[in-house]
Each structure stands twice: as C-alpha cells, then as structure tokens.
Amino acid sequence: MKPRLVLIILAATLLITAVACVKKEDEAAKAAAAEAEQLQAQIQQQEAKIYELQEQVQAQQAQQRMQEEAAALQEQQRLKDEIAKQQAELQTMKKQLAQKKAAAAKPAGDQPAADTGGTAAAPPPVTGEPAPAAQPAGATPITEAAQPAQPVEPPKPKTRTVEIPAGTALVGLLQGSLSTKTNAGGDSFEMFLAQPVDLNGEVVLPANTRLAGRVLESAQSGKVKGKAFMSLTVESIEIRGDMVGVQTNSLQFEAEGSTTRDAAVIGGGAGVGAIIGGIAGGKKGAAIGAVIGGGAGTAGVLVTRGKEVEFPPETKFQFQLAQPVKITEKVK
C-alpha cells in the first residue's frame, strides 16, 4: 500500500505543478496583451498630438502669408500715391516756369517805332482783345509738357485649383532601405510613386513623383518586450519642383517573437496590410515581398521573418491621404 500511496502523492504533485505553470502562462499572456493595448493607446495619442501640431503650423503659415500680402499691398498703394503727388508737383512747377518766361518777355507795343522817312506806321487795329505777348527773337513757343504715360500692368495668368481628396492612395517604391538596426525615430526616407494619381480621368500626380517620409518610431529587437518595432508616414510630396506638406496615415510594423508565425499585424484602423509575393524563407521561396497597408490608420505587416524589421530597396508601400491636398496650376 505504501508504494501505491507514494505514486498517488507524486502524481498529485505533478498535476498541481502543471496547473500552476499553465496558470502562470495565462497570466503572462494577459499581461502582454494589456501592455500591447496600452502601447497602442499611447501611439494613437502621439499621432493625435503630431496632427494637432501640424495643423497649428499650417495655420501660422497661412496667417503669415496673409500678413505679408497685406503689407505688400499697402506698400504698393503708398508708392502709387507718392508718384501721383510728385507728378502733380512737377506740373505745377512747369506752369510757373511758363508764366515767368511770359512775364520776362516785353510786349511789341512798348518798342520805339523805326524812322521811315517821316511816315508813322499805322497802329494795329483795335479788336477789343489784348494783343498776344511778343516772343523774344529766336525763342520757341512754350507749350505745356505732355503727361507721362502710366505703366500698364501685364495681365495676370489664369490659374485653377485642383483638390486631391482625403483617402486617396499613394503607392510608392522605397529608395534605399529601412531597418530597425540602422534607423531611429525622426530619420527621413524617400519614395517615388509607383503609379500615377488620377482625378476624374486626369493625372494630377504622375508616376515617379517624389515622396518624402519620416520614421516616427523605431526600436530594435529586445528593447520593446523583445520585439522590433517601426512606424512610418509620408510628410510631403514634390509638386512642380516644390515640396508640399501632406498628412497621411501611419504604417506600423512589429517583428514576431514566436517562430509559429511569419508576420504580425498590429495597430487599429480600417483594415490590415497584405504581403505581396510571400515571406522570405517561406515554402514558395518568394523574395522579400512588399507590403500594402489596408485602410487609413492601418498598421501593416512584417515582411521578413526574424527579430528585426527590415525593408530592402524598391519595397512597395501604400499610404492614404488623411487630409485633402490643393494644387494651384496655370491654365493654358
């Protein structure tokens, strides 16, 4: 009976130990999920702060442009008034000069008559009108100067404004590479549109248009609960040689710590990303694929198996405009 009792006690001890281990694993999983949810809330708060700051910058820029335009108009009006004043003074001075010259010339009736052999010259007929003042010999008649011609302003070119609505997809090819090993939050990157952006059948952003992006956050494996993490966004688009600021959704990528999955999808939004081609090292042997984000605010998917988030050159990303973009162009 004793050996049997010992076996029963040992079996009960092992069962209790196994139950305790399972319970600890469940608690650890719940804690990890809670931490992930808290981190996601912090990310959303940070994105909201960034959006608010960008709105403030745009408002200040618009106010500054209005103030500069108003100051320029005031200066133009002041110069026009000064020109008119100077022209009026010039005309007054010319009239005064003409009067002085006319007063300096003596009338012809005040000159002594020439001796013609005793015969006096007949006086001029009286008409009731004053005789015109005689001009000195060799003098030219004084005429009032003509008004200077006013400058003619050239016609202003006709323009039109095209608005690219929010939600428009921007599919770009990465120039260079990105990795949580080498890139940190705040780093910039560059892409070019892989396909044009059409609006009502008209191309408003041609293919190969330059996009300037920013790494919002980057953490190597082992720094955030053992998982690498990266978040990307687009900040500006090159339009006719000028970089125009834009607001897009952010794509977020997290390396999967477990070997049971090839990629992890994180972050909320309207949808999830999709892997194009496959995962490096997968059964189909696909190359490191590109990713396309789902909807506005969508995070994305990790495209390489491993502990770091890495994207090679010409990786394809899809962002979406969070705010409309206005383009002013000349009408031909």
Protein backbone atom coordinates (compact mmCIF):
# COMPACT_ATOMS: atom_id res chain seq x y z
CA MET A 1 0.00 0.00 0.00
CA LYS A 2 2.83 2.40 0.77
CA PRO A 3 4.41 2.39 -2.71
CA ARG A 4 1.00 2.92 -4.23
CA LEU A 5 0.33 5.83 -1.90
CA VAL A 6 3.68 7.36 -2.81
CA LEU A 7 2.84 7.12 -6.51
CA ILE A 8 -0.51 8.78 -5.92
CA ILE A 9 1.14 11.63 -4.00
CA LEU A 10 3.75 12.10 -6.75
CA ALA A 11 1.06 12.17 -9.44
CA ALA A 12 -0.95 14.74 -7.50
CA THR A 13 2.16 16.90 -7.01
CA LEU A 14 2.95 16.81 -10.75
CA LEU A 15 -0.65 17.69 -11.59
CA ILE A 16 -0.63 20.67 -9.22
CA THR A 17 2.69 21.84 -10.66
CA ALA A 18 1.37 21.60 -14.25
CA VAL A 19 -1.78 23.54 -13.35
CA ALA A 20 0.33 26.27 -11.74
CA CYS A 21 2.54 26.52 -14.85
CA VAL A 22 -0.47 26.82 -17.12
CA LYS A 23 -1.94 29.48 -14.88
CA LYS A 24 1.32 31.48 -14.97
CA GLU A 25 1.45 31.26 -18.75
CA ASP A 26 -2.13 32.53 -18.99
CA GLU A 27 -1.35 35.42 -16.66
CA ALA A 28 1.78 36.28 -18.67
CA ALA A 29 -0.23 36.24 -21.91
CA LYS A 30 -2.89 38.51 -20.41
CA ALA A 31 -0.23 40.89 -19.13
CA ALA A 32 1.43 41.02 -22.55
CA ALA A 33 -1.91 41.74 -24.22
CA ALA A 34 -2.64 44.52 -21.74
CA GLU A 35 0.79 46.07 -22.35
CA ALA A 36 0.28 45.89 -26.12
CA GLU A 37 -3.11 47.59 -25.79
CA GLN A 38 -1.61 50.31 -23.60
CA LEU A 39 1.22 50.87 -26.10
CA GLN A 40 -1.30 51.14 -28.94
CA ALA A 41 -3.25 53.79 -27.00
CA GLN A 42 -0.03 55.75 -26.45
CA ILE A 43 0.76 55.55 -30.17
CA GLN A 44 -2.68 56.90 -31.07
CA GLN A 45 -2.27 59.75 -28.59
CA GLN A 46 1.14 60.59 -30.06
CA GLU A 47 -0.29 60.61 -33.60
CA ALA A 48 -3.08 62.93 -32.45
CA LYS A 49 -0.51 65.32 -30.94
CA ILE A 50 1.53 65.29 -34.15
CA TYR A 51 -1.59 66.01 -36.21
CA GLU A 52 -2.55 68.90 -33.92
CA LEU A 53 0.95 70.41 -34.17
CA GLN A 54 0.88 70.12 -37.96
CA GLU A 55 -2.48 71.90 -38.01
CA GLN A 56 -1.03 74.73 -35.89
CA VAL A 57 1.99 75.07 -38.21
CA GLN A 58 -0.23 75.29 -41.30
CA ALA A 59 -2.48 77.89 -39.63
CA GLN A 60 0.53 80.02 -38.68
CA GLN A 61 1.93 79.77 -42.20
CA ALA A 62 -1.40 80.84 -43.71
CA GLN A 63 -1.65 83.79 -41.31
CA GLN A 64 1.89 84.84 -42.11
CA ARG A 65 1.21 84.74 -45.85
CA MET A 66 -1.91 86.89 -45.40
CA GLN A 67 0.03 89.44 -43.35
CA GLU A 68 2.82 89.57 -45.92
CA GLU A 69 0.34 90.06 -48.77
CA ALA A 70 -1.46 92.85 -46.89
CA ALA A 71 1.85 94.61 -46.17
CA ALA A 72 2.87 94.33 -49.84
CA LEU A 73 -0.45 95.85 -50.99
CA GLN A 74 -0.09 98.75 -48.56
CA GLU A 75 3.45 99.45 -49.79
CA GLN A 76 2.30 99.39 -53.44
CA GLN A 77 -0.51 101.85 -52.68
CA ARG A 78 1.90 104.14 -50.83
CA LEU A 79 4.28 104.19 -53.82
CA LYS A 80 1.41 104.95 -56.23
CA ASP A 81 0.25 107.85 -54.06
CA GLU A 82 3.81 109.21 -53.89
CA ILE A 83 4.16 109.02 -57.69
CA ALA A 84 0.87 110.89 -58.19
CA LYS A 85 1.98 113.57 -55.71
CA GLN A 86 5.34 114.05 -57.44
CA GLN A 87 3.67 114.27 -60.86
CA ALA A 88 1.25 116.96 -59.62
CA GLU A 89 4.14 119.00 -58.18
CA LEU A 90 6.02 118.68 -61.47
CA GLN A 91 3.08 120.03 -63.48
CA THR A 92 2.73 122.99 -61.08
CA MET A 93 6.41 123.81 -61.45
CA LYS A 94 6.17 123.69 -65.26
CA LYS A 95 3.20 126.10 -65.27
CA GLN A 96 5.06 128.52 -63.01
CA LEU A 97 8.07 128.40 -65.33
CA ALA A 98 5.91 129.21 -68.36
CA GLN A 99 4.36 132.21 -66.53
CA LYS A 100 7.78 133.54 -65.52
CA LYS A 101 9.09 133.33 -69.09
CA ALA A 102 6.00 135.06 -70.48
CA ALA A 103 6.32 137.91 -67.95
CA ALA A 104 10.01 138.38 -68.76
CA ALA A 105 9.28 138.93 -72.49
CA LYS A 106 8.37 142.63 -73.29
CA PRO A 107 5.24 143.36 -75.42
CA ALA A 108 5.86 144.57 -79.01
CA GLY A 109 3.89 147.91 -78.45
CA ASP A 110 6.47 149.12 -75.91
CA GLN A 111 9.30 149.18 -78.50
CA PRO A 112 10.10 152.66 -80.23
CA ALA A 113 8.88 152.95 -83.84
CA ALA A 114 11.53 152.91 -86.53
CA ASP A 115 12.11 156.10 -88.64
CA THR A 116 10.68 155.54 -92.14
CA GLY A 117 11.10 158.98 -93.64
CA GLY A 118 8.51 160.87 -91.60
CA THR A 119 5.69 158.47 -92.19
CA ALA A 120 4.44 156.85 -88.99
CA ALA A 121 3.43 153.27 -89.05
CA ALA A 122 -0.26 152.61 -88.74
CA PRO A 123 -1.29 151.37 -85.34
CA PRO A 124 -2.73 147.90 -85.16
CA PRO A 125 -6.50 147.65 -85.36
CA VAL A 126 -8.38 147.69 -82.10
CA THR A 127 -10.37 144.50 -81.70
CA GLY A 128 -11.19 144.65 -78.01
CA GLU A 129 -8.92 141.69 -77.34
CA PRO A 130 -5.47 142.00 -75.78
CA ALA A 131 -2.62 141.55 -78.18
CA PRO A 132 -0.62 138.40 -77.71
CA ALA A 133 2.64 138.81 -75.90
CA ALA A 134 5.61 139.08 -78.21
CA GLN A 135 8.15 136.28 -78.07
CA PRO A 136 11.82 137.25 -77.90
CA ALA A 137 13.87 136.74 -81.05
CA GLY A 138 14.96 133.16 -81.51
CA ALA A 139 12.61 131.92 -78.79
CA THR A 140 10.41 128.92 -79.36
CA PRO A 141 6.79 128.84 -78.23
CA ILE A 142 6.29 127.46 -74.74
CA THR A 143 3.94 124.51 -74.64
CA GLU A 144 2.81 122.53 -71.64
CA ALA A 145 4.60 119.20 -71.27
CA ALA A 146 2.54 116.13 -72.01
CA GLN A 147 1.52 113.87 -69.15
CA PRO A 148 3.82 110.83 -68.82
CA ALA A 149 2.20 107.56 -69.81
CA GLN A 150 1.10 105.39 -66.90
CA PRO A 151 2.74 101.95 -66.81
CA VAL A 152 0.45 99.19 -67.98
CA GLU A 153 0.42 96.12 -65.77
CA PRO A 154 0.71 92.84 -67.67
CA PRO A 155 -2.35 90.59 -67.44
CA LYS A 156 -2.22 88.10 -64.60
CA PRO A 157 -2.03 84.45 -65.68
CA LYS A 158 -5.19 82.43 -65.17
CA THR A 159 -4.95 79.66 -62.61
CA ARG A 160 -7.12 76.89 -61.29
CA THR A 161 -7.07 74.88 -58.08
CA VAL A 162 -7.30 71.08 -58.07
CA GLU A 163 -8.06 69.31 -54.78
CA ILE A 164 -6.89 65.74 -54.16
CA PRO A 165 -9.41 64.34 -51.66
CA ALA A 166 -8.60 62.62 -48.39
CA GLY A 167 -8.40 58.84 -48.66
CA THR A 168 -6.51 58.96 -51.97
CA ALA A 169 -3.97 56.12 -52.15
CA LEU A 170 -0.26 56.90 -52.58
CA VAL A 171 1.59 53.76 -53.71
CA GLY A 172 5.34 54.34 -53.55
CA LEU A 173 8.59 52.43 -54.09
CA LEU A 174 11.18 52.79 -51.34
CA GLN A 175 14.53 54.33 -52.31
CA GLY A 176 17.30 52.83 -50.24
CA SER A 177 16.48 50.54 -47.32
CA LEU A 178 14.99 50.75 -43.82
CA SER A 179 15.84 48.65 -40.77
CA THR A 180 15.35 48.83 -37.04
CA LYS A 181 19.07 48.05 -36.79
CA THR A 182 20.18 51.26 -38.53
CA ASN A 183 17.20 53.65 -38.46
CA ALA A 184 15.83 55.59 -35.50
CA GLY A 185 12.75 57.70 -34.91
CA GLY A 186 12.98 61.00 -36.80
CA ASP A 187 15.00 59.59 -39.71
CA SER A 188 13.80 60.57 -43.18
CA PHE A 189 13.35 58.32 -46.20
CA GLU A 190 12.38 58.80 -49.81
CA MET A 191 9.96 57.08 -52.17
CA PHE A 192 8.68 57.59 -55.71
CA LEU A 193 5.12 56.97 -56.87
CA ALA A 194 4.85 53.57 -58.47
CA GLN A 195 1.68 54.59 -60.31
CA PRO A 196 0.05 57.95 -61.15
CA VAL A 197 -2.75 59.50 -59.12
CA ASP A 198 -5.83 60.18 -61.29
CA LEU A 199 -8.69 62.56 -60.52
CA ASN A 200 -11.77 62.34 -62.77
CA GLY A 201 -9.67 60.78 -65.51
CA GLU A 202 -6.95 63.46 -65.26
CA VAL A 203 -3.45 62.73 -63.94
CA VAL A 204 -2.74 65.12 -61.06
CA LEU A 205 0.36 63.34 -59.71
CA PRO A 206 2.37 61.49 -62.36
CA ALA A 207 4.34 58.32 -61.73
CA ASN A 208 7.83 58.82 -60.25
CA THR A 209 6.62 61.83 -58.19
CA ARG A 210 8.94 62.16 -55.18
CA LEU A 211 7.54 61.44 -51.69
CA ALA A 212 9.38 62.42 -48.50
CA GLY A 213 8.68 60.21 -45.49
CA ARG A 214 9.61 60.09 -41.83
CA VAL A 215 10.33 57.25 -39.39
CA LEU A 216 8.02 58.05 -36.49
CA GLU A 217 9.37 55.32 -34.23
CA SER A 218 11.99 52.57 -34.45
CA ALA A 219 13.03 50.08 -31.77
CA GLN A 220 15.42 47.16 -32.14
CA SER A 221 14.61 43.67 -31.03
CA GLY A 222 14.91 43.27 -27.28
CA LYS A 223 14.03 46.88 -26.45
CA VAL A 224 10.23 46.57 -26.52
CA LYS A 225 9.32 43.29 -24.89
CA GLY A 226 11.86 41.56 -27.11
CA LYS A 227 10.19 42.63 -30.41
CA ALA A 228 11.46 45.09 -33.03
CA PHE A 229 9.04 47.86 -33.98
CA MET A 230 8.87 50.55 -36.70
CA SER A 231 6.28 53.20 -37.67
CA LEU A 232 6.36 55.19 -40.97
CA THR A 233 4.45 58.11 -42.51
CA VAL A 234 4.66 60.48 -45.52
CA GLU A 235 5.15 64.19 -44.79
CA SER A 236 5.47 65.92 -48.19
CA ILE A 237 5.06 65.48 -51.97
CA GLU A 238 7.08 67.21 -54.69
CA ILE A 239 4.67 69.21 -56.90
CA ARG A 240 6.19 71.21 -59.77
CA GLY A 241 9.56 71.47 -58.06
CA ASP A 242 8.21 72.44 -54.63
CA MET A 243 7.75 70.13 -51.64
CA VAL A 244 4.16 70.44 -50.41
CA GLY A 245 3.34 69.26 -46.89
CA VAL A 246 0.72 66.50 -46.58
CA GLN A 247 -0.80 64.34 -43.86
CA THR A 248 -1.18 60.60 -44.33
CA ASN A 249 -1.90 57.58 -42.19
CA SER A 250 1.00 55.79 -40.49
CA LEU A 251 2.14 52.24 -41.21
CA GLN A 252 3.31 50.28 -38.16
CA PHE A 253 5.39 47.11 -38.21
CA GLU A 254 6.26 44.71 -35.39
CA ALA A 255 8.55 41.70 -35.54
CA GLU A 256 7.02 38.44 -34.36
CA GLY A 257 8.87 36.92 -31.43
CA SER A 258 7.40 33.44 -31.91
CA THR A 259 8.55 31.05 -34.66
CA THR A 260 4.99 29.93 -35.33
CA ARG A 261 4.16 32.98 -37.45
CA ASP A 262 5.99 34.80 -40.22
CA ALA A 263 4.48 38.24 -39.66
CA ALA A 264 2.49 40.14 -37.06
CA VAL A 265 -0.24 42.67 -37.69
CA ILE A 266 -0.62 45.42 -35.08
CA GLY A 267 -2.43 48.71 -34.73
CA GLY A 268 -6.03 49.59 -35.39
CA GLY A 269 -7.59 51.35 -38.37
CA ALA A 270 -9.90 50.45 -41.19
CA GLY A 271 -8.08 47.29 -42.28
CA VAL A 272 -4.83 45.36 -42.31
CA GLY A 273 -1.90 45.12 -44.65
CA ALA A 274 -1.27 42.33 -47.09
CA ILE A 275 2.01 40.70 -48.06
CA ILE A 276 2.77 40.71 -51.78
CA GLY A 277 4.81 37.80 -53.05
CA GLY A 278 5.39 35.97 -49.79
CA ILE A 279 7.73 35.83 -46.83
CA ALA A 280 11.46 35.38 -47.28
CA GLY A 281 12.33 31.85 -46.34
CA GLY A 282 8.77 30.63 -46.92
CA LYS A 283 7.84 27.41 -48.67
CA LYS A 284 7.30 29.14 -52.02
CA GLY A 285 10.75 30.73 -51.86
CA ALA A 286 9.47 34.21 -52.63
CA ALA A 287 11.80 37.15 -52.30
CA ILE A 288 11.34 39.70 -49.55
CA GLY A 289 7.96 41.00 -50.51
CA ALA A 290 6.44 44.42 -50.49
CA VAL A 291 3.60 45.50 -48.27
CA ILE A 292 0.44 47.43 -48.95
CA GLY A 293 -1.40 48.97 -45.99
CA GLY A 294 -5.11 48.40 -45.74
CA GLY A 295 -7.09 51.49 -44.75
CA ALA A 296 -6.45 54.84 -43.12
CA GLY A 297 -4.68 54.26 -39.80
CA THR A 298 -3.83 50.66 -40.76
CA ALA A 299 -0.66 49.39 -39.28
CA GLY A 300 0.81 46.85 -41.69
CA VAL A 301 2.66 43.58 -41.71
CA LEU A 302 6.24 42.49 -41.21
CA VAL A 303 7.68 41.21 -44.46
CA THR A 304 10.73 39.35 -43.16
CA ARG A 305 10.94 36.55 -40.68
CA GLY A 306 13.29 37.35 -37.84
CA LYS A 307 13.84 39.61 -34.88
CA GLU A 308 14.29 42.90 -36.80
CA VAL A 309 12.02 44.90 -39.12
CA GLU A 310 13.86 45.33 -42.43
CA PHE A 311 12.76 46.66 -45.84
CA PRO A 312 15.03 46.42 -48.92
CA PRO A 313 15.11 48.98 -51.78
CA GLU A 314 12.00 49.15 -54.03
CA THR A 315 9.74 47.80 -51.29
CA LYS A 316 6.22 48.92 -52.15
CA PHE A 317 4.11 50.75 -49.55
CA GLN A 318 0.63 52.22 -49.80
CA PHE A 319 -0.26 55.27 -47.74
CA GLN A 320 -3.54 57.22 -47.74
CA LEU A 321 -4.07 60.97 -47.50
CA ALA A 322 -5.59 61.91 -44.16
CA GLN A 323 -6.34 65.48 -45.33
CA PRO A 324 -7.09 66.84 -48.85
CA VAL A 325 -4.26 68.46 -50.82
CA LYS A 326 -4.85 71.56 -53.01
CA ILE A 327 -2.76 72.14 -56.15
CA THR A 328 -2.80 75.52 -57.94
CA GLU A 329 -1.72 75.40 -61.60
CA LYS A 330 -1.76 77.72 -64.60
CA VAL A 331 -4.48 77.36 -67.20
CA LYS A 332 -3.04 77.04 -70.70
